[in-house]
Amino acid sequence: MNATLDESFGTCFRVKVRGQGRVVLPRALRQRRGWADGAELMVLNTAEGVLIATEDELERIVQSRFRRESSVVDELVADRRRQAELDRA
């Protein structure tokens, strides 16, 4: 097992895809995440790569992304409103 630490990404493990697409997640990772034997995980294929998480973790991640996107939308709407006020003046 190869494990490296990068502050911006966390711990990175090198694993191999075996027969029938099986991947063994390193014990250190499972322990750190609190994933016991038989834990049900979600596998999400994204443009950036593959994300493995519990359903609760995945829900928090998705909600976090939408909050960030909505703040950008809110900023654009506020900017447009300011511009409309200037146009009226």
Protein backbone atom coordinates (compact mmCIF):
# COMPACT_ATOMS: atom_id res chain seq x y z
CA MET A 1 0.00 0.00 0.00
CA ASN A 2 1.27 3.44 -0.95
CA ALA A 3 0.01 6.36 1.14
CA THR A 4 1.04 9.97 0.77
CA LEU A 5 -0.23 13.10 2.47
CA ASP A 6 -1.03 16.34 0.73
CA GLU A 7 -2.64 19.11 2.80
CA SER A 8 -4.97 20.24 0.00
CA PHE A 9 -6.22 16.76 -0.93
CA GLY A 10 -5.80 14.58 2.15
CA THR A 11 -4.32 11.10 2.12
CA CYS A 12 -3.89 9.34 -1.21
CA PHE A 13 -3.77 5.55 -1.49
CA ARG A 14 -2.72 3.51 -4.52
CA VAL A 15 -5.04 0.53 -5.09
CA LYS A 16 -5.55 -1.94 -7.95
CA VAL A 17 -8.73 -2.98 -9.68
CA ARG A 18 -8.94 -6.77 -9.46
CA GLY A 19 -11.21 -9.40 -11.00
CA GLN A 20 -14.85 -8.39 -11.42
CA GLY A 21 -13.90 -4.76 -10.69
CA ARG A 22 -13.02 -5.36 -7.05
CA VAL A 23 -11.02 -2.72 -5.21
CA VAL A 24 -9.73 -3.25 -1.68
CA LEU A 25 -9.82 -0.05 0.36
CA PRO A 26 -6.84 0.14 2.72
CA ARG A 27 -7.54 -0.55 6.40
CA ALA A 28 -6.15 2.84 7.45
CA LEU A 29 -8.66 4.57 5.16
CA ARG A 30 -11.59 2.46 6.35
CA GLN A 31 -10.68 3.10 9.98
CA ARG A 32 -10.24 6.84 9.44
CA ARG A 33 -13.62 7.06 7.70
CA GLY A 34 -15.33 4.80 10.23
CA TRP A 35 -16.36 2.30 7.56
CA ALA A 36 -16.94 -1.07 9.25
CA ASP A 37 -17.06 -4.40 7.44
CA GLY A 38 -20.22 -4.47 5.33
CA ALA A 39 -20.57 -0.67 5.16
CA GLU A 40 -22.65 0.38 2.17
CA LEU A 41 -20.87 3.00 0.06
CA MET A 42 -21.91 5.15 -2.87
CA VAL A 43 -19.65 5.45 -5.92
CA LEU A 44 -20.12 8.68 -7.84
CA ASN A 45 -18.51 9.15 -11.25
CA THR A 46 -17.74 12.85 -11.77
CA ALA A 47 -15.92 14.88 -14.40
CA GLU A 48 -13.01 15.20 -11.94
CA GLY A 49 -12.83 11.51 -11.01
CA VAL A 50 -14.55 8.94 -8.82
CA LEU A 51 -15.86 9.72 -5.35
CA ILE A 52 -16.51 6.97 -2.79
CA ALA A 53 -18.57 7.94 0.26
CA THR A 54 -21.42 6.84 2.48
CA GLU A 55 -24.85 8.10 1.49
CA ASP A 56 -24.78 10.67 4.33
CA GLU A 57 -21.31 11.88 3.33
CA LEU A 58 -22.36 12.15 -0.30
CA GLU A 59 -25.47 14.12 0.64
CA ARG A 60 -23.34 16.63 2.60
CA ILE A 61 -20.90 16.95 -0.31
CA VAL A 62 -23.67 17.60 -2.84
CA GLN A 63 -25.41 20.11 -0.54
CA SER A 64 -22.09 21.90 -0.04
CA ARG A 65 -21.58 22.23 -3.79
CA PHE A 66 -25.09 23.60 -4.29
CA ARG A 67 -24.58 26.14 -1.50
CA ARG A 68 -21.41 27.38 -3.20
CA GLU A 69 -23.14 27.57 -6.58
CA SER A 70 -26.16 29.35 -5.15
CA SER A 71 -23.90 31.97 -3.56
CA VAL A 72 -22.43 32.65 -7.01
CA VAL A 73 -25.95 32.96 -8.40
CA ASP A 74 -26.90 35.26 -5.53
CA GLU A 75 -23.86 37.43 -6.30
CA LEU A 76 -24.80 37.63 -9.98
CA VAL A 77 -28.41 38.58 -9.16
CA ALA A 78 -27.25 41.23 -6.68
CA ASP A 79 -24.81 42.61 -9.25
CA ARG A 80 -27.56 42.78 -11.87
CA ARG A 81 -29.85 44.58 -9.43
CA ARG A 82 -27.13 47.15 -8.67
CA GLN A 83 -26.60 47.68 -12.38
CA ALA A 84 -30.35 48.12 -12.94
CA GLU A 85 -30.44 50.76 -10.17
CA LEU A 86 -27.56 52.62 -11.83
CA ASP A 87 -29.31 52.44 -15.20
CA ARG A 88 -32.47 53.99 -13.68
CA ALA A 89 -30.53 56.88 -12.14
